[in-house]
PDB file of N, CA and C in Angstrom:
ATOM      1  N   UNK A   1       0.835  -1.175   0.000  1.00  0.00           N
ATOM      2  CA  UNK A   1       0.000   0.000   0.000  1.00  0.00           C
ATOM      3  C   UNK A   1       0.881   1.239   0.000  1.00  0.00           C
ATOM      4  N   UNK A   2       0.451   2.233  -0.766  1.00  0.00           N
ATOM      5  CA  UNK A   2       1.254   3.454  -0.861  1.00  0.00           C
ATOM      6  C   UNK A   2       0.892   4.407   0.258  1.00  0.00           C
ATOM      7  N   UNK A   3       1.901   5.099   0.657  1.00  0.00           N
ATOM      8  CA  UNK A   3       1.664   6.097   1.701  1.00  0.00           C
ATOM      9  C   UNK A   3       1.209   7.390   1.051  1.00  0.00           C
ATOM     10  N   UNK A   4       0.563   8.245   1.793  1.00  0.00           N
ATOM     11  CA  UNK A   4       0.059   9.511   1.269  1.00  0.00           C
ATOM     12  C   UNK A   4       1.200  10.429   0.863  1.00  0.00           C
ATOM     13  N   UNK A   5       2.365  10.305   1.470  1.00  0.00           N
ATOM     14  CA  UNK A   5       3.505  11.148   1.096  1.00  0.00           C
ATOM     15  C   UNK A   5       4.009  10.765  -0.296  1.00  0.00           C
ATOM     16  N   UNK A   6       3.889   9.466  -0.702  1.00  0.00           N
ATOM     17  CA  UNK A   6       4.284   9.032  -2.037  1.00  0.00           C
ATOM     18  C   UNK A   6       3.351   9.608  -3.101  1.00  0.00           C
ATOM     19  N   UNK A   7       2.060   9.685  -2.820  1.00  0.00           N
ATOM     20  CA  UNK A   7       1.099  10.213  -3.770  1.00  0.00           C
ATOM     21  C   UNK A   7       1.306  11.706  -4.004  1.00  0.00           C
ATOM     22  N   UNK A   8       1.584  12.446  -2.978  1.00  0.00           N
ATOM     23  CA  UNK A   8       1.807  13.882  -3.149  1.00  0.00           C
ATOM     24  C   UNK A   8       3.127  14.135  -3.863  1.00  0.00           C
ATOM     25  N   UNK A   9       4.057  13.239  -3.696  1.00  0.00           N
ATOM     26  CA  UNK A   9       5.346  13.404  -4.356  1.00  0.00           C
ATOM     27  C   UNK A   9       5.183  13.286  -5.880  1.00  0.00           C
ATOM     28  N   UNK A  10       4.337  12.366  -6.368  1.00  0.00           N
ATOM     29  CA  UNK A  10       4.108  12.187  -7.803  1.00  0.00           C
ATOM     30  C   UNK A  10       3.392  13.378  -8.414  1.00  0.00           C
ATOM     31  N   UNK A  11       2.536  14.038  -7.691  1.00  0.00           N
ATOM     32  CA  UNK A  11       1.767  15.162  -8.204  1.00  0.00           C
ATOM     33  C   UNK A  11       2.654  16.377  -8.426  1.00  0.00           C
ATOM     34  N   UNK A  12       3.695  16.550  -7.670  1.00  0.00           N
ATOM     35  CA  UNK A  12       4.512  17.754  -7.763  1.00  0.00           C
ATOM     36  C   UNK A  12       5.662  17.623  -8.766  1.00  0.00           C
ATOM     37  N   UNK A  13       5.653  16.605  -9.650  1.00  0.00           N
ATOM     38  CA  UNK A  13       6.701  16.468 -10.650  1.00  0.00           C
ATOM     39  C   UNK A  13       6.626  17.615 -11.657  1.00  0.00           C
ATOM     40  N   UNK A  14       7.778  18.038 -12.172  1.00  0.00           N
ATOM     41  CA  UNK A  14       7.736  19.073 -13.213  1.00  0.00           C
ATOM     42  C   UNK A  14       7.119  18.492 -14.495  1.00  0.00           C
ATOM     43  N   UNK A  15       6.597  19.352 -15.395  1.00  0.00           N
ATOM     44  CA  UNK A  15       5.940  18.854 -16.617  1.00  0.00           C
ATOM     45  C   UNK A  15       6.957  18.154 -17.532  1.00  0.00           C
ATOM     46  N   UNK A  16       6.470  17.217 -18.280  1.00  0.00           N
ATOM     47  CA  UNK A  16       7.311  16.476 -19.214  1.00  0.00           C
ATOM     48  C   UNK A  16       7.403  17.285 -20.513  1.00  0.00           C
ATOM     49  N   UNK A  17       8.570  17.886 -20.784  1.00  0.00           N
ATOM     50  CA  UNK A  17       8.745  18.749 -21.955  1.00  0.00           C
ATOM     51  C   UNK A  17       8.733  17.957 -23.262  1.00  0.00           C
ATOM     52  N   UNK A  18       9.104  16.701 -23.214  1.00  0.00           N
ATOM     53  CA  UNK A  18       9.094  15.880 -24.415  1.00  0.00           C
ATOM     54  C   UNK A  18       7.681  15.740 -24.971  1.00  0.00           C
ATOM     55  N   UNK A  19       6.699  15.534 -24.097  1.00  0.00           N
ATOM     56  CA  UNK A  19       5.311  15.406 -24.540  1.00  0.00           C
ATOM     57  C   UNK A  19       4.846  16.721 -25.169  1.00  0.00           C
ATOM     58  N   UNK A  20       5.204  17.834 -24.586  1.00  0.00           N
ATOM     59  CA  UNK A  20       4.841  19.133 -25.156  1.00  0.00           C
ATOM     60  C   UNK A  20       5.484  19.348 -26.512  1.00  0.00           C
ATOM     61  N   UNK A  21       6.744  18.956 -26.615  1.00  0.00           N
ATOM     62  CA  UNK A  21       7.438  19.081 -27.892  1.00  0.00           C
ATOM     63  C   UNK A  21       6.760  18.232 -28.960  1.00  0.00           C
ATOM     64  N   UNK A  22       6.360  17.027 -28.616  1.00  0.00           N
ATOM     65  CA  UNK A  22       5.686  16.147 -29.571  1.00  0.00           C
ATOM     66  C   UNK A  22       4.334  16.706 -29.992  1.00  0.00           C
ATOM     67  N   UNK A  23       3.630  17.353 -29.081  1.00  0.00           N
ATOM     68  CA  UNK A  23       2.349  17.981 -29.444  1.00  0.00           C
ATOM     69  C   UNK A  23       2.557  19.095 -30.453  1.00  0.00           C
ATOM     70  N   UNK A  24       3.578  19.909 -30.256  1.00  0.00           N
ATOM     71  CA  UNK A  24       3.867  21.003 -31.196  1.00  0.00           C
ATOM     72  C   UNK A  24       4.271  20.435 -32.551  1.00  0.00           C
ATOM     73  N   UNK A  25       5.116  19.397 -32.540  1.00  0.00           N
ATOM     74  CA  UNK A  25       5.548  18.784 -33.797  1.00  0.00           C
ATOM     75  C   UNK A  25       4.361  18.192 -34.546  1.00  0.00           C
ATOM     76  N   UNK A  26       3.466  17.523 -33.851  1.00  0.00           N
ATOM     77  CA  UNK A  26       2.281  16.943 -34.484  1.00  0.00           C
ATOM     78  C   UNK A  26       1.392  18.037 -35.061  1.00  0.00           C
ATOM     79  N   UNK A  27       1.267  19.148 -34.354  1.00  0.00           N
ATOM     80  CA  UNK A  27       0.450  20.249 -34.867  1.00  0.00           C
ATOM     81  C   UNK A  27       1.058  20.822 -36.147  1.00  0.00           C
ATOM     82  N   UNK A  28       2.379  20.958 -36.191  1.00  0.00           N
ATOM     83  CA  UNK A  28       3.032  21.485 -37.387  1.00  0.00           C
ATOM     84  C   UNK A  28       2.890  20.548 -38.576  1.00  0.00           C
ATOM     85  N   UNK A  29       2.956  19.261 -38.328  1.00  0.00           N
ATOM     86  CA  UNK A  29       2.886  18.293 -39.419  1.00  0.00           C
ATOM     87  C   UNK A  29       1.457  18.115 -39.911  1.00  0.00           C
ATOM     88  N   UNK A  30       0.500  18.031 -39.010  1.00  0.00           N
ATOM     89  CA  UNK A  30      -0.861  17.673 -39.376  1.00  0.00           C
ATOM     90  C   UNK A  30      -1.812  18.852 -39.466  1.00  0.00           C
ATOM     91  N   UNK A  31      -1.312  20.065 -39.432  1.00  0.00           N
ATOM     92  CA  UNK A  31      -2.235  21.208 -39.477  1.00  0.00           C
ATOM     93  C   UNK A  31      -2.984  21.251 -40.807  1.00  0.00           C
ATOM     94  N   UNK A  32      -4.003  22.045 -40.852  1.00  0.00           N
ATOM     95  CA  UNK A  32      -4.909  22.099 -41.995  1.00  0.00           C
ATOM     96  C   UNK A  32      -4.160  22.458 -43.271  1.00  0.00           C
ATOM     97  N   UNK A  33      -4.523  21.806 -44.371  1.00  0.00           N
ATOM     98  CA  UNK A  33      -3.837  22.044 -45.643  1.00  0.00           C
ATOM     99  C   UNK A  33      -4.131  23.423 -46.219  1.00  0.00           C
ATOM    100  N   UNK A  34      -5.178  24.071 -45.758  1.00  0.00           N
ATOM    101  CA  UNK A  34      -5.504  25.407 -46.256  1.00  0.00           C
ATOM    102  C   UNK A  34      -4.400  26.404 -45.890  1.00  0.00           C
ATOM    103  N   UNK A  35      -3.753  26.190 -44.784  1.00  0.00           N
ATOM    104  CA  UNK A  35      -2.718  27.113 -44.341  1.00  0.00           C
ATOM    105  C   UNK A  35      -1.415  26.941 -45.118  1.00  0.00           C
ATOM    106  N   UNK A  36      -1.262  25.843 -45.855  1.00  0.00           N
ATOM    107  CA  UNK A  36      -0.035  25.604 -46.596  1.00  0.00           C
ATOM    108  C   UNK A  36      -0.018  26.426 -47.874  1.00  0.00           C
ATOM    109  N   UNK A  37       1.152  26.904 -48.280  1.00  0.00           N
ATOM    110  CA  UNK A  37       1.221  27.684 -49.525  1.00  0.00           C
ATOM    111  C   UNK A  37       0.964  26.786 -50.736  1.00  0.00           C
ATOM    112  N   UNK A  38       0.568  27.422 -51.840  1.00  0.00           N
ATOM    113  CA  UNK A  38       0.309  26.672 -53.064  1.00  0.00           C
ATOM    114  C   UNK A  38       1.616  26.117 -53.615  1.00  0.00           C
ATOM    115  N   UNK A  39       1.572  24.948 -54.218  1.00  0.00           N
ATOM    116  CA  UNK A  39       2.791  24.421 -54.829  1.00  0.00           C
ATOM    117  C   UNK A  39       3.171  25.265 -56.041  1.00  0.00           C
ATOM    118  N   UNK A  40       4.446  25.298 -56.395  1.00  0.00           N
ATOM    119  CA  UNK A  40       4.844  26.105 -57.546  1.00  0.00           C
ATOM    120  C   UNK A  40       4.218  25.566 -58.834  1.00  0.00           C
ATOM    121  N   UNK A  41       3.977  26.468 -59.769  1.00  0.00           N
ATOM    122  CA  UNK A  41       3.384  26.087 -61.042  1.00  0.00           C
ATOM    123  C   UNK A  41       4.385  25.244 -61.832  1.00  0.00           C
ATOM    124  N   UNK A  42       3.912  24.231 -62.541  1.00  0.00           N
ATOM    125  CA  UNK A  42       4.844  23.410 -63.320  1.00  0.00           C
ATOM    126  C   UNK A  42       5.456  24.223 -64.456  1.00  0.00           C
ATOM    127  N   UNK A  43       6.693  23.869 -64.781  1.00  0.00           N
ATOM    128  CA  UNK A  43       7.381  24.552 -65.872  1.00  0.00           C
ATOM    129  C   UNK A  43       6.759  24.143 -67.194  1.00  0.00           C
ATOM    130  N   UNK A  44       6.795  25.082 -68.145  1.00  0.00           N
ATOM    131  CA  UNK A  44       6.339  24.746 -69.482  1.00  0.00           C
ATOM    132  C   UNK A  44       7.317  23.750 -70.089  1.00  0.00           C
ATOM    133  N   UNK A  45       6.827  22.836 -70.898  1.00  0.00           N
ATOM    134  CA  UNK A  45       7.756  21.889 -71.510  1.00  0.00           C
ATOM    135  C   UNK A  45       8.755  22.619 -72.400  1.00  0.00           C
ATOM    136  N   UNK A  46       9.964  22.119 -72.411  1.00  0.00           N
ATOM    137  CA  UNK A  46      10.993  22.760 -73.212  1.00  0.00           C
ATOM    138  C   UNK A  46      10.696  22.572 -74.689  1.00  0.00           C
ATOM    139  N   UNK A  47      11.140  23.511 -75.487  1.00  0.00           N
ATOM    140  CA  UNK A  47      10.892  23.464 -76.919  1.00  0.00           C
ATOM    141  C   UNK A  47      12.078  22.789 -77.604  1.00  0.00           C
ATOM    142  N   UNK A  48      11.840  21.727 -78.373  1.00  0.00           N
ATOM    143  CA  UNK A  48      12.944  21.032 -79.021  1.00  0.00           C
ATOM    144  C   UNK A  48      13.576  21.894 -80.110  1.00  0.00           C
ATOM    145  N   UNK A  49      14.860  21.664 -80.371  1.00  0.00           N
ATOM    146  CA  UNK A  49      15.569  22.430 -81.395  1.00  0.00           C
ATOM    147  C   UNK A  49      16.158  21.482 -82.434  1.00  0.00           C
ATOM    148  N   UNK A  50      16.349  22.018 -83.626  1.00  0.00           N
ATOM    149  CA  UNK A  50      16.962  21.273 -84.721  1.00  0.00           C
ATOM    150  C   UNK A  50      18.179  22.047 -85.184  1.00  0.00           C
ATOM    151  N   UNK A  51      19.337  21.439 -85.051  1.00  0.00           N
ATOM    152  CA  UNK A  51      20.571  22.025 -85.564  1.00  0.00           C
ATOM    153  C   UNK A  51      20.944  21.316 -86.849  1.00  0.00           C
ATOM    154  N   UNK A  52      21.282  22.083 -87.884  1.00  0.00           N
ATOM    155  CA  UNK A  52      21.573  21.503 -89.194  1.00  0.00           C
ATOM    156  C   UNK A  52      22.887  22.067 -89.682  1.00  0.00           C
ATOM    157  N   UNK A  53      23.849  21.181 -89.959  1.00  0.00           N
ATOM    158  CA  UNK A  53      25.165  21.610 -90.418  1.00  0.00           C
ATOM    159  C   UNK A  53      25.503  20.886 -91.706  1.00  0.00           C
ATOM    160  N   UNK A  54      25.940  21.660 -92.697  1.00  0.00           N
ATOM    161  CA  UNK A  54      26.409  21.077 -93.951  1.00  0.00           C
ATOM    162  C   UNK A  54      27.924  21.002 -93.858  1.00  0.00           C
ATOM    163  N   UNK A  55      28.451  19.788 -93.979  1.00  0.00           N
ATOM    164  CA  UNK A  55      29.890  19.594 -93.859  1.00  0.00           C
ATOM    165  C   UNK A  55      30.332  18.317 -94.534  1.00  0.00           C
ATOM    166  N   UNK A  56      31.597  18.034 -94.419  1.00  0.00           N
ATOM    167  CA  UNK A  56      32.163  16.840 -95.047  1.00  0.00           C
ATOM    168  C   UNK A  56      31.948  15.624 -94.160  1.00  0.00           C
ATOM    169  N   UNK A  57      31.342  14.601 -94.765  1.00  0.00           N
ATOM    170  CA  UNK A  57      31.209  13.300 -94.124  1.00  0.00           C
ATOM    171  C   UNK A  57      31.508  12.258 -95.195  1.00  0.00           C
ATOM    172  N   UNK A  58      31.742  11.019 -94.833  1.00  0.00           N
ATOM    173  CA  UNK A  58      31.995   9.986 -95.859  1.00  0.00           C
ATOM    174  C   UNK A  58      30.846   9.920 -96.873  1.00  0.00           C
ATOM    175  N   UNK A  59      31.192   9.674 -98.138  1.00  0.00           N
ATOM    176  CA  UNK A  59      30.193   9.719 -99.203  1.00  0.00           C
ATOM    177  C   UNK A  59      29.157   8.606 -99.114  1.00  0.00           C
ATOM    178  N   UNK A  60      29.441   7.545 -98.359  1.00  0.00           N
ATOM    179  CA  UNK A  60      28.454   6.477 -98.241  1.00  0.00           C
ATOM    180  C   UNK A  60      27.384   6.784 -97.190  1.00  0.00           C
ATOM    181  N   UNK A  61      27.483   7.956 -96.529  1.00  0.00           N
ATOM    182  CA  UNK A  61      26.489   8.354 -95.525  1.00  0.00           C
ATOM    183  C   UNK A  61      25.619   9.487 -96.048  1.00  0.00           C
ATOM    184  N   UNK A  62      24.340   9.382 -95.805  1.00  0.00           N
ATOM    185  CA  UNK A  62      23.429  10.489 -96.099  1.00  0.00           C
ATOM    186  C   UNK A  62      23.568  11.548 -95.021  1.00  0.00           C
ATOM    187  N   UNK A  63      23.573  11.109 -93.761  1.00  0.00           N
ATOM    188  CA  UNK A  63      23.642  12.054 -92.650  1.00  0.00           C
ATOM    189  C   UNK A  63      24.053  11.341 -91.369  1.00  0.00           C
ATOM    190  N   UNK A  64      24.585  12.132 -90.458  1.00  0.00           N
ATOM    191  CA  UNK A  64      24.820  11.686 -89.085  1.00  0.00           C
ATOM    192  C   UNK A  64      23.859  12.500 -88.229  1.00  0.00           C
ATOM    193  N   UNK A  65      22.983  11.810 -87.504  1.00  0.00           N
ATOM    194  CA  UNK A  65      21.950  12.477 -86.703  1.00  0.00           C
ATOM    195  C   UNK A  65      22.216  12.163 -85.240  1.00  0.00           C
ATOM    196  N   UNK A  66      22.316  13.204 -84.441  1.00  0.00           N
ATOM    197  CA  UNK A  66      22.520  13.034 -82.995  1.00  0.00           C
ATOM    198  C   UNK A  66      21.269  13.560 -82.288  1.00  0.00           C
ATOM    199  N   UNK A  67      20.691  12.722 -81.437  1.00  0.00           N
ATOM    200  CA  UNK A  67      19.446  13.050 -80.732  1.00  0.00           C
ATOM    201  C   UNK A  67      19.757  13.114 -79.241  1.00  0.00           C
ATOM    202  N   UNK A  68      19.384  14.231 -78.625  1.00  0.00           N
ATOM    203  CA  UNK A  68      19.615  14.411 -77.190  1.00  0.00           C
ATOM    204  C   UNK A  68      18.266  14.443 -76.478  1.00  0.00           C
ATOM    205  N   UNK A  69      18.054  13.443 -75.608  1.00  0.00           N
ATOM    206  CA  UNK A  69      16.802  13.309 -74.875  1.00  0.00           C
ATOM    207  C   UNK A  69      16.918  13.991 -73.521  1.00  0.00           C
ATOM    208  N   UNK A  70      15.792  14.502 -73.032  1.00  0.00           N
ATOM    209  CA  UNK A  70      15.746  15.205 -71.754  1.00  0.00           C
ATOM    210  C   UNK A  70      14.772  14.525 -70.814  1.00  0.00           C
ATOM    211  N   UNK A  71      15.105  14.584 -69.515  1.00  0.00           N
ATOM    212  CA  UNK A  71      14.204  14.112 -68.463  1.00  0.00           C
ATOM    213  C   UNK A  71      14.259  15.136 -67.341  1.00  0.00           C
ATOM    214  N   UNK A  72      13.089  15.615 -66.944  1.00  0.00           N
ATOM    215  CA  UNK A  72      12.970  16.629 -65.891  1.00  0.00           C
ATOM    216  C   UNK A  72      13.793  17.872 -66.216  1.00  0.00           C
ATOM    217  N   UNK A  73      13.813  18.232 -67.482  1.00  0.00           N
ATOM    218  CA  UNK A  73      14.490  19.456 -67.903  1.00  0.00           C
ATOM    219  C   UNK A  73      16.000  19.344 -68.036  1.00  0.00           C
ATOM    220  N   UNK A  74      16.564  18.171 -67.832  1.00  0.00           N
ATOM    221  CA  UNK A  74      18.018  18.002 -67.910  1.00  0.00           C
ATOM    222  C   UNK A  74      18.347  16.934 -68.953  1.00  0.00           C
ATOM    223  N   UNK A  75      19.507  17.088 -69.589  1.00  0.00           N
ATOM    224  CA  UNK A  75      19.937  16.104 -70.582  1.00  0.00           C
ATOM    225  C   UNK A  75      20.051  14.735 -69.931  1.00  0.00           C
ATOM    226  N   UNK A  76      19.481  13.741 -70.599  1.00  0.00           N
ATOM    227  CA  UNK A  76      19.425  12.408 -70.010  1.00  0.00           C
ATOM    228  C   UNK A  76      20.175  11.373 -70.858  1.00  0.00           C
ATOM    229  N   UNK A  77      19.998  11.412 -72.178  1.00  0.00           N
ATOM    230  CA  UNK A  77      20.562  10.378 -73.033  1.00  0.00           C
ATOM    231  C   UNK A  77      20.845  10.964 -74.408  1.00  0.00           C
ATOM    232  N   UNK A  78      21.907  10.483 -75.048  1.00  0.00           N
ATOM    233  CA  UNK A  78      22.260  10.914 -76.396  1.00  0.00           C
ATOM    234  C   UNK A  78      22.358   9.680 -77.283  1.00  0.00           C
ATOM    235  N   UNK A  79      21.697   9.761 -78.433  1.00  0.00           N
ATOM    236  CA  UNK A  79      21.755   8.683 -79.414  1.00  0.00           C
ATOM    237  C   UNK A  79      22.341   9.243 -80.702  1.00  0.00           C
ATOM    238  N   UNK A  80      23.097   8.427 -81.431  1.00  0.00           N
ATOM    239  CA  UNK A  80      23.656   8.861 -82.707  1.00  0.00           C
ATOM    240  C   UNK A  80      23.312   7.835 -83.772  1.00  0.00           C
ATOM    241  N   UNK A  81      22.809   8.323 -84.898  1.00  0.00           N
ATOM    242  CA  UNK A  81      22.440   7.474 -86.024  1.00  0.00           C
ATOM    243  C   UNK A  81      23.285   7.871 -87.226  1.00  0.00           C
ATOM    244  N   UNK A  82      23.827   6.886 -87.913  1.00  0.00           N
ATOM    245  CA  UNK A  82      24.526   7.108 -89.174  1.00  0.00           C
ATOM    246  C   UNK A  82      23.651   6.511 -90.261  1.00  0.00           C
ATOM    247  N   UNK A  83      23.048   7.372 -91.051  1.00  0.00           N
ATOM    248  CA  UNK A  83      22.119   6.932 -92.081  1.00  0.00           C
ATOM    249  C   UNK A  83      22.905   6.757 -93.375  1.00  0.00           C
ATOM    250  N   UNK A  84      22.993   5.528 -93.843  1.00  0.00           N
ATOM    251  CA  UNK A  84      23.739   5.226 -95.056  1.00  0.00           C
ATOM    252  C   UNK A  84      22.896   5.530 -96.281  1.00  0.00           C
ATOM    253  N   UNK A  85      23.579   5.872 -97.370  1.00  0.00           N
ATOM    254  CA  UNK A  85      22.896   6.111 -98.646  1.00  0.00           C
ATOM    255  C   UNK A  85      22.256   4.809 -99.118  1.00  0.00           C
ATOM    256  N   UNK A  86      20.952   4.833 -99.332  1.00  0.00           N
ATOM    257  CA  UNK A  86      20.202   3.691 -99.848  1.00  0.00           C
ATOM    258  C   UNK A  86      18.875   4.224-100.376  1.00  0.00           C
ATOM    259  N   UNK A  87      18.082   3.383-101.041  1.00  0.00           N
ATOM    260  CA  UNK A  87      16.818   3.881-101.611  1.00  0.00           C
ATOM    261  C   UNK A  87      15.853   4.487-100.578  1.00  0.00           C
ATOM    262  N   UNK A  88      15.834   3.965 -99.338  1.00  0.00           N
ATOM    263  CA  UNK A  88      14.906   4.511 -98.344  1.00  0.00           C
ATOM    264  C   UNK A  88      15.600   5.407 -97.314  1.00  0.00           C
ATOM    265  N   UNK A  89      16.766   5.939 -97.640  1.00  0.00           N
ATOM    266  CA  UNK A  89      17.520   6.777 -96.698  1.00  0.00           C
ATOM    267  C   UNK A  89      16.747   8.051 -96.331  1.00  0.00           C
ATOM    268  N   UNK A  90      16.075   8.658 -97.324  1.00  0.00           N
ATOM    269  CA  UNK A  90      15.312   9.879 -97.025  1.00  0.00           C
ATOM    270  C   UNK A  90      14.174   9.582 -96.050  1.00  0.00           C
ATOM    271  N   UNK A  91      13.538   8.433 -96.218  1.00  0.00           N
ATOM    272  CA  UNK A  91      12.440   8.051 -95.310  1.00  0.00           C
ATOM    273  C   UNK A  91      12.982   7.803 -93.900  1.00  0.00           C
ATOM    274  N   UNK A  92      14.133   7.153 -93.786  1.00  0.00           N
ATOM    275  CA  UNK A  92      14.758   6.936 -92.479  1.00  0.00           C
ATOM    276  C   UNK A  92      15.089   8.274 -91.816  1.00  0.00           C
ATOM    277  N   UNK A  93      15.660   9.184 -92.598  1.00  0.00           N
ATOM    278  CA  UNK A  93      16.020  10.500 -92.079  1.00  0.00           C
ATOM    279  C   UNK A  93      14.796  11.223 -91.527  1.00  0.00           C
ATOM    280  N   UNK A  94      13.730  11.273 -92.332  1.00  0.00           N
ATOM    281  CA  UNK A  94      12.515  11.975 -91.889  1.00  0.00           C
ATOM    282  C   UNK A  94      11.884  11.299 -90.677  1.00  0.00           C
ATOM    283  N   UNK A  95      11.906   9.984 -90.612  1.00  0.00           N
ATOM    284  CA  UNK A  95      11.328   9.281 -89.476  1.00  0.00           C
ATOM    285  C   UNK A  95      12.110   9.572 -88.193  1.00  0.00           C
ATOM    286  N   UNK A  96      13.432   9.457 -88.249  1.00  0.00           N
ATOM    287  CA  UNK A  96      14.253   9.667 -87.050  1.00  0.00           C
ATOM    288  C   UNK A  96      14.129  11.101 -86.551  1.00  0.00           C
ATOM    289  N   UNK A  97      14.322  12.061 -87.458  1.00  0.00           N
ATOM    290  CA  UNK A  97      14.296  13.471 -87.056  1.00  0.00           C
ATOM    291  C   UNK A  97      12.897  13.888 -86.616  1.00  0.00           C
ATOM    292  N   UNK A  98      11.882  13.514 -87.377  1.00  0.00           N
ATOM    293  CA  UNK A  98      10.507  13.910 -87.050  1.00  0.00           C
ATOM    294  C   UNK A  98      10.027  13.334 -85.737  1.00  0.00           C
ATOM    295  N   UNK A  99      10.290  12.052 -85.516  1.00  0.00           N
ATOM    296  CA  UNK A  99       9.861  11.407 -84.272  1.00  0.00           C
ATOM    297  C   UNK A  99      10.550  12.017 -83.062  1.00  0.00           C
ATOM    298  N   UNK A 100      11.845  12.254 -83.172  1.00  0.00           N
ATOM    299  CA  UNK A 100      12.586  12.826 -82.041  1.00  0.00           C
ATOM    300  C   UNK A 100      12.085  14.220 -81.699  1.00  0.00           C
ATOM    301  N   UNK A 101      11.852  15.054 -82.709  1.00  0.00           N
ATOM    302  CA  UNK A 101      11.360  16.415 -82.446  1.00  0.00           C
ATOM    303  C   UNK A 101       9.950  16.389 -81.843  1.00  0.00           C
ATOM    304  N   UNK A 102       9.096  15.500 -82.335  1.00  0.00           N
ATOM    305  CA  UNK A 102       7.733  15.404 -81.788  1.00  0.00           C
ATOM    306  C   UNK A 102       7.739  14.970 -80.330  1.00  0.00           C
ATOM    307  N   UNK A 103       8.740  14.164 -79.945  1.00  0.00           N
ATOM    308  CA  UNK A 103       8.804  13.672 -78.575  1.00  0.00           C
ATOM    309  C   UNK A 103       9.630  14.575 -77.668  1.00  0.00           C
ATOM    310  N   UNK A 104      10.084  15.744 -78.166  1.00  0.00           N
ATOM    311  CA  UNK A 104      10.724  16.742 -77.316  1.00  0.00           C
ATOM    312  C   UNK A 104      12.231  16.685 -77.231  1.00  0.00           C
ATOM    313  N   UNK A 105      12.893  15.960 -78.124  1.00  0.00           N
ATOM    314  CA  UNK A 105      14.354  15.862 -78.085  1.00  0.00           C
ATOM    315  C   UNK A 105      14.988  16.947 -78.952  1.00  0.00           C
ATOM    316  N   UNK A 106      16.224  17.276 -78.655  1.00  0.00           N
ATOM    317  CA  UNK A 106      17.019  18.151 -79.517  1.00  0.00           C
ATOM    318  C   UNK A 106      17.695  17.272 -80.561  1.00  0.00           C
ATOM    319  N   UNK A 107      17.760  17.776 -81.788  1.00  0.00           N
ATOM    320  CA  UNK A 107      18.331  17.002 -82.888  1.00  0.00           C
ATOM    321  C   UNK A 107      19.401  17.832 -83.572  1.00  0.00           C
ATOM    322  N   UNK A 108      20.565  17.212 -83.805  1.00  0.00           N
ATOM    323  CA  UNK A 108      21.646  17.837 -84.570  1.00  0.00           C
ATOM    324  C   UNK A 108      21.928  16.955 -85.777  1.00  0.00           C
ATOM    325  N   UNK A 109      22.005  17.576 -86.957  1.00  0.00           N
ATOM    326  CA  UNK A 109      22.213  16.845 -88.198  1.00  0.00           C
ATOM    327  C   UNK A 109      23.503  17.336 -88.842  1.00  0.00           C
ATOM    328  N   UNK A 110      24.345  16.408 -89.271  1.00  0.00           N
ATOM    329  CA  UNK A 110      25.537  16.717 -90.053  1.00  0.00           C
ATOM    330  C   UNK A 110      25.399  15.963 -91.360  1.00  0.00           C
ATOM    331  N   UNK A 111      25.404  16.684 -92.467  1.00  0.00           N
ATOM    332  CA  UNK A 111      25.220  16.072 -93.774  1.00  0.00           C
ATOM    333  C   UNK A 111      25.948  16.893 -94.822  1.00  0.00           C
ATOM    334  N   UNK A 112      26.064  16.326 -96.028  1.00  0.00           N
ATOM    335  CA  UNK A 112      26.681  17.055 -97.125  1.00  0.00           C
ATOM    336  C   UNK A 112      25.639  17.676 -98.051  1.00  0.00           C
ATOM    337  N   UNK A 113      24.364  17.504 -97.722  1.00  0.00           N
ATOM    338  CA  UNK A 113      23.271  18.024 -98.536  1.00  0.00           C
ATOM    339  C   UNK A 113      22.702  19.302 -97.926  1.00  0.00           C
ATOM    340  N   UNK A 114      22.223  20.171 -98.784  1.00  0.00           N
ATOM    341  CA  UNK A 114      21.538  21.380 -98.323  1.00  0.00           C
ATOM    342  C   UNK A 114      20.175  20.986 -97.730  1.00  0.00           C
ATOM    343  N   UNK A 115      19.643  21.796 -96.794  1.00  0.00           N
ATOM    344  CA  UNK A 115      18.372  21.429 -96.155  1.00  0.00           C
ATOM    345  C   UNK A 115      17.222  21.216 -97.148  1.00  0.00           C
ATOM    346  N   UNK A 116      17.176  22.021 -98.204  1.00  0.00           N
ATOM    347  CA  UNK A 116      16.095  21.896 -99.177  1.00  0.00           C
ATOM    348  C   UNK A 116      16.136  20.549 -99.890  1.00  0.00           C
ATOM    349  N   UNK A 117      17.335  19.989-100.089  1.00  0.00           N
ATOM    350  CA  UNK A 117      17.466  18.701-100.770  1.00  0.00           C
ATOM    351  C   UNK A 117      16.890  17.551 -99.939  1.00  0.00           C
ATOM    352  N   UNK A 118      16.903  17.705 -98.634  1.00  0.00           N
ATOM    353  CA  UNK A 118      16.367  16.666 -97.748  1.00  0.00           C
ATOM    354  C   UNK A 118      14.957  16.979 -97.251  1.00  0.00           C
ATOM    355  N   UNK A 119      14.410  18.100 -97.698  1.00  0.00           N
ATOM    356  CA  UNK A 119      13.050  18.450 -97.306  1.00  0.00           C
ATOM    357  C   UNK A 119      12.939  19.061 -95.928  1.00  0.00           C
ATOM    358  N   UNK A 120      14.023  19.677 -95.447  1.00  0.00           N
ATOM    359  CA  UNK A 120      14.012  20.334 -94.126  1.00  0.00           C
ATOM    360  C   UNK A 120      13.657  21.799 -94.341  1.00  0.00           C
ATOM    361  N   UNK A 121      12.584  22.291 -93.717  1.00  0.00           N
ATOM    362  CA  UNK A 121      12.223  23.712 -93.886  1.00  0.00           C
ATOM    363  C   UNK A 121      13.278  24.614 -93.232  1.00  0.00           C
ATOM    364  N   UNK A 122      13.530  25.731 -93.871  1.00  0.00           N
ATOM    365  CA  UNK A 122      14.513  26.668 -93.310  1.00  0.00           C
ATOM    366  C   UNK A 122      13.858  27.933 -92.813  1.00  0.00           C
TER     367      UNK A 122
END
């Protein structure tokens, strides 16, 4: 059996600051979402670019096409295609360049042909 002096001793303990700290932390974490600031507006998608250079390359190549892909606004992957001269080379060129630009990649082309010869608008 406890004595009355033991019971009064428990009542006069100082407050537990850890419990108070946890209450404040819980209030900060779980407070109403209305009080939180709005999230930043998403960035507009980047605009793909086409670089076209007329220069010397081996005669068996129509073009060298380098495609730079982006993820979260930063360069992520680079692919390089060497399109050889053949009957469907123009179709390959248009497919690679057109698809990459539509999907948001930057494209650099090195070829010995003028843009008008390959159907690239200037």
